[in-house]
Amino acid sequence: MEDYKQPSTAGQGMGIAALVLGIVGAIAAFIPCFGLVAVIFGVLAIIFGAIGLSQAKREKAPTTMPLAGLVLGIVATAFVIIWVLVVVGTFGSAVMSHKDEIQKAIDSATVESIKVQDSLNAVEITTDTVRVEVTK
């Protein structure tokens, strides 16, 4: 009589969780303005995939699902990091190319703010009347 031994399922629960989170993270990484949330899914997929992979290796169980979740988590996280670097670099480059105009606008706003503050200093409020003195 043969002694049939069932294959171990160690790490498969973590592998499924990692795979699902990795898929959601990889899809979310390509959605504009939602990509930063993909980092959370990606990091969780990496964590669950690593735990599932170590459990599966320890029990000599299949490592396909934990490994796939781990890879998808790494891909999603890396894509979001690259995407953020490109966007920040683009905005930084745009700001640096228009630095003089931005400085002129800030200076103009500062001058206008000083003018408004000076005009507010000319207003005198008493308990029952308001008197405005206009000075030039």
C-alpha atoms as a PDB file:
ATOM      1  CA  MET A   1       0.000   0.000   0.000  1.00  0.00           C
ATOM      2  CA  GLU A   2       1.334   3.408  -0.961  1.00  0.00           C
ATOM      3  CA  ASP A   3       1.450   6.146   1.591  1.00  0.00           C
ATOM      4  CA  TYR A   4       0.046   9.148  -0.279  1.00  0.00           C
ATOM      5  CA  LYS A   5       1.114  12.389   1.302  1.00  0.00           C
ATOM      6  CA  GLN A   6      -0.769  15.588   0.444  1.00  0.00           C
ATOM      7  CA  PRO A   7       1.401  18.469  -0.679  1.00  0.00           C
ATOM      8  CA  SER A   8       1.875  21.128   1.943  1.00  0.00           C
ATOM      9  CA  THR A   9      -0.137  24.317   1.681  1.00  0.00           C
ATOM     10  CA  ALA A  10       2.240  26.323   3.825  1.00  0.00           C
ATOM     11  CA  GLY A  11       2.498  29.911   2.693  1.00  0.00           C
ATOM     12  CA  GLN A  12      -0.372  29.635   0.206  1.00  0.00           C
ATOM     13  CA  GLY A  13      -2.699  31.924   2.189  1.00  0.00           C
ATOM     14  CA  MET A  14      -0.029  34.600   2.341  1.00  0.00           C
ATOM     15  CA  GLY A  15       0.723  33.917  -1.322  1.00  0.00           C
ATOM     16  CA  ILE A  16      -2.900  34.521  -2.318  1.00  0.00           C
ATOM     17  CA  ALA A  17      -3.013  37.726  -0.278  1.00  0.00           C
ATOM     18  CA  ALA A  18       0.261  38.882  -1.842  1.00  0.00           C
ATOM     19  CA  LEU A  19      -0.967  38.031  -5.335  1.00  0.00           C
ATOM     20  CA  VAL A  20      -4.253  39.909  -4.900  1.00  0.00           C
ATOM     21  CA  LEU A  21      -2.536  42.940  -3.365  1.00  0.00           C
ATOM     22  CA  GLY A  22       0.141  42.819  -6.063  1.00  0.00           C
ATOM     23  CA  ILE A  23      -2.462  42.779  -8.844  1.00  0.00           C
ATOM     24  CA  VAL A  24      -4.433  45.636  -7.271  1.00  0.00           C
ATOM     25  CA  GLY A  25      -1.204  47.574  -6.699  1.00  0.00           C
ATOM     26  CA  ALA A  26      -0.006  47.030 -10.257  1.00  0.00           C
ATOM     27  CA  ILE A  27      -3.331  48.191 -11.689  1.00  0.00           C
ATOM     28  CA  ALA A  28      -3.559  51.162  -9.301  1.00  0.00           C
ATOM     29  CA  ALA A  29      -0.021  52.212 -10.180  1.00  0.00           C
ATOM     30  CA  PHE A  30      -1.162  53.090 -13.697  1.00  0.00           C
ATOM     31  CA  ILE A  31      -4.173  55.178 -12.600  1.00  0.00           C
ATOM     32  CA  PRO A  32      -3.301  58.883 -12.381  1.00  0.00           C
ATOM     33  CA  CYS A  33      -3.822  60.499  -8.958  1.00  0.00           C
ATOM     34  CA  PHE A  34      -4.404  57.047  -7.441  1.00  0.00           C
ATOM     35  CA  GLY A  35      -0.891  55.781  -7.996  1.00  0.00           C
ATOM     36  CA  LEU A  36       0.387  56.809  -4.591  1.00  0.00           C
ATOM     37  CA  VAL A  37      -2.129  54.478  -2.960  1.00  0.00           C
ATOM     38  CA  ALA A  38      -0.563  51.700  -5.013  1.00  0.00           C
ATOM     39  CA  VAL A  39       2.547  52.004  -2.833  1.00  0.00           C
ATOM     40  CA  ILE A  40       0.518  50.726   0.122  1.00  0.00           C
ATOM     41  CA  PHE A  41      -0.723  47.737  -1.877  1.00  0.00           C
ATOM     42  CA  GLY A  42       2.758  47.126  -3.271  1.00  0.00           C
ATOM     43  CA  VAL A  43       4.487  47.197   0.100  1.00  0.00           C
ATOM     44  CA  LEU A  44       1.862  44.902   1.639  1.00  0.00           C
ATOM     45  CA  ALA A  45       2.246  42.520  -1.314  1.00  0.00           C
ATOM     46  CA  ILE A  46       6.017  42.501  -0.784  1.00  0.00           C
ATOM     47  CA  ILE A  47       5.607  41.769   2.929  1.00  0.00           C
ATOM     48  CA  PHE A  48       2.995  39.027   2.480  1.00  0.00           C
ATOM     49  CA  GLY A  49       4.894  37.538  -0.461  1.00  0.00           C
ATOM     50  CA  ALA A  50       8.135  37.363   1.513  1.00  0.00           C
ATOM     51  CA  ILE A  51       6.418  35.766   4.507  1.00  0.00           C
ATOM     52  CA  GLY A  52       4.561  33.279   2.288  1.00  0.00           C
ATOM     53  CA  LEU A  53       7.720  32.457   0.346  1.00  0.00           C
ATOM     54  CA  SER A  54       9.685  31.734   3.507  1.00  0.00           C
ATOM     55  CA  GLN A  55       6.860  29.553   4.881  1.00  0.00           C
ATOM     56  CA  ALA A  56       6.584  27.642   1.600  1.00  0.00           C
ATOM     57  CA  LYS A  57      10.330  27.068   1.349  1.00  0.00           C
ATOM     58  CA  ARG A  58      10.500  25.893   4.946  1.00  0.00           C
ATOM     59  CA  GLU A  59       7.764  23.289   4.371  1.00  0.00           C
ATOM     60  CA  LYS A  60       8.887  22.463   0.805  1.00  0.00           C
ATOM     61  CA  ALA A  61       5.550  23.668  -0.583  1.00  0.00           C
ATOM     62  CA  PRO A  62       4.949  25.305  -3.968  1.00  0.00           C
ATOM     63  CA  THR A  63       6.307  28.843  -4.075  1.00  0.00           C
ATOM     64  CA  THR A  64       4.524  30.064  -7.220  1.00  0.00           C
ATOM     65  CA  MET A  65       1.833  32.264  -5.654  1.00  0.00           C
ATOM     66  CA  PRO A  66       3.967  33.930  -2.974  1.00  0.00           C
ATOM     67  CA  LEU A  67       6.684  34.581  -5.554  1.00  0.00           C
ATOM     68  CA  ALA A  68       4.209  36.049  -8.066  1.00  0.00           C
ATOM     69  CA  GLY A  69       2.743  38.323  -5.375  1.00  0.00           C
ATOM     70  CA  LEU A  70       6.215  39.403  -4.316  1.00  0.00           C
ATOM     71  CA  VAL A  71       7.219  40.238  -7.898  1.00  0.00           C
ATOM     72  CA  LEU A  72       3.983  42.150  -8.588  1.00  0.00           C
ATOM     73  CA  GLY A  73       4.422  44.115  -5.359  1.00  0.00           C
ATOM     74  CA  ILE A  74       7.971  45.047  -6.323  1.00  0.00           C
ATOM     75  CA  VAL A  75       6.866  46.064  -9.836  1.00  0.00           C
ATOM     76  CA  ALA A  76       3.980  48.200  -8.541  1.00  0.00           C
ATOM     77  CA  THR A  77       6.131  49.922  -5.925  1.00  0.00           C
ATOM     78  CA  ALA A  78       8.984  50.543  -8.352  1.00  0.00           C
ATOM     79  CA  PHE A  79       6.626  51.950 -10.988  1.00  0.00           C
ATOM     80  CA  VAL A  80       5.064  54.383  -8.513  1.00  0.00           C
ATOM     81  CA  ILE A  81       8.480  55.533  -7.282  1.00  0.00           C
ATOM     82  CA  ILE A  82       9.657  56.106 -10.864  1.00  0.00           C
ATOM     83  CA  TRP A  83       6.381  57.884 -11.695  1.00  0.00           C
ATOM     84  CA  VAL A  84       6.735  60.221  -8.692  1.00  0.00           C
ATOM     85  CA  LEU A  85      10.350  61.008  -9.584  1.00  0.00           C
ATOM     86  CA  VAL A  86       9.380  61.846 -13.174  1.00  0.00           C
ATOM     87  CA  VAL A  87       6.486  64.092 -12.087  1.00  0.00           C
ATOM     88  CA  VAL A  88       8.556  65.888  -9.449  1.00  0.00           C
ATOM     89  CA  GLY A  89      11.421  66.308 -11.912  1.00  0.00           C
ATOM     90  CA  THR A  90       9.066  67.703 -14.541  1.00  0.00           C
ATOM     91  CA  PHE A  91       7.537  70.220 -12.155  1.00  0.00           C
ATOM     92  CA  GLY A  92      10.957  71.152 -10.815  1.00  0.00           C
ATOM     93  CA  SER A  93      12.253  71.719 -14.317  1.00  0.00           C
ATOM     94  CA  ALA A  94       9.220  73.851 -15.208  1.00  0.00           C
ATOM     95  CA  VAL A  95       9.630  75.941 -12.077  1.00  0.00           C
ATOM     96  CA  MET A  96      13.336  76.472 -12.655  1.00  0.00           C
ATOM     97  CA  SER A  97      12.766  77.551 -16.270  1.00  0.00           C
ATOM     98  CA  HIS A  98      10.280  80.217 -15.133  1.00  0.00           C
ATOM     99  CA  LYS A  99      12.141  81.279 -12.013  1.00  0.00           C
ATOM    100  CA  ASP A 100      12.434  84.950 -13.049  1.00  0.00           C
ATOM    101  CA  GLU A 101       8.708  85.302 -13.793  1.00  0.00           C
ATOM    102  CA  ILE A 102       7.817  83.643 -10.505  1.00  0.00           C
ATOM    103  CA  GLN A 103      10.145  86.002  -8.613  1.00  0.00           C
ATOM    104  CA  LYS A 104       8.591  89.038 -10.359  1.00  0.00           C
ATOM    105  CA  ALA A 105       5.098  87.821  -9.436  1.00  0.00           C
ATOM    106  CA  ILE A 106       6.139  87.334  -5.804  1.00  0.00           C
ATOM    107  CA  ASP A 107       7.699  90.808  -5.696  1.00  0.00           C
ATOM    108  CA  SER A 108       4.573  92.334  -7.238  1.00  0.00           C
ATOM    109  CA  ALA A 109       2.358  90.556  -4.707  1.00  0.00           C
ATOM    110  CA  THR A 110       4.576  91.807  -1.883  1.00  0.00           C
ATOM    111  CA  VAL A 111       4.301  95.416  -3.098  1.00  0.00           C
ATOM    112  CA  GLU A 112       0.522  95.124  -3.403  1.00  0.00           C
ATOM    113  CA  SER A 113       0.322  93.631   0.079  1.00  0.00           C
ATOM    114  CA  ILE A 114       2.275  96.583   1.493  1.00  0.00           C
ATOM    115  CA  LYS A 115      -0.065  99.026  -0.292  1.00  0.00           C
ATOM    116  CA  VAL A 116      -3.127  97.282   1.134  1.00  0.00           C
ATOM    117  CA  GLN A 117      -1.617  97.295   4.618  1.00  0.00           C
ATOM    118  CA  ASP A 118      -0.862 101.023   4.332  1.00  0.00           C
ATOM    119  CA  SER A 119      -4.419 101.771   3.235  1.00  0.00           C
ATOM    120  CA  LEU A 120      -5.795  99.791   6.164  1.00  0.00           C
ATOM    121  CA  ASN A 121      -3.710 101.854   8.566  1.00  0.00           C
ATOM    122  CA  ALA A 122      -5.611 104.981   7.443  1.00  0.00           C
ATOM    123  CA  VAL A 123      -8.929 103.568   8.675  1.00  0.00           C
ATOM    124  CA  GLU A 124      -9.889 104.633  12.179  1.00  0.00           C
ATOM    125  CA  ILE A 125     -12.778 102.921  13.919  1.00  0.00           C
ATOM    126  CA  THR A 126     -14.539 104.443  16.892  1.00  0.00           C
ATOM    127  CA  THR A 127     -17.490 103.059  18.785  1.00  0.00           C
ATOM    128  CA  ASP A 128     -20.226 104.769  16.801  1.00  0.00           C
ATOM    129  CA  THR A 129     -18.608 106.249  13.685  1.00  0.00           C
ATOM    130  CA  VAL A 130     -16.150 105.277  11.039  1.00  0.00           C
ATOM    131  CA  ARG A 131     -13.750 107.874   9.713  1.00  0.00           C
ATOM    132  CA  VAL A 132     -11.554 107.237   6.717  1.00  0.00           C
ATOM    133  CA  GLU A 133      -8.611 109.410   5.893  1.00  0.00           C
ATOM    134  CA  VAL A 134      -7.194 109.078   2.435  1.00  0.00           C
ATOM    135  CA  THR A 135      -3.562 110.089   2.216  1.00  0.00           C
ATOM    136  CA  LYS A 136      -1.483 110.271  -0.895  1.00  0.00           C
END
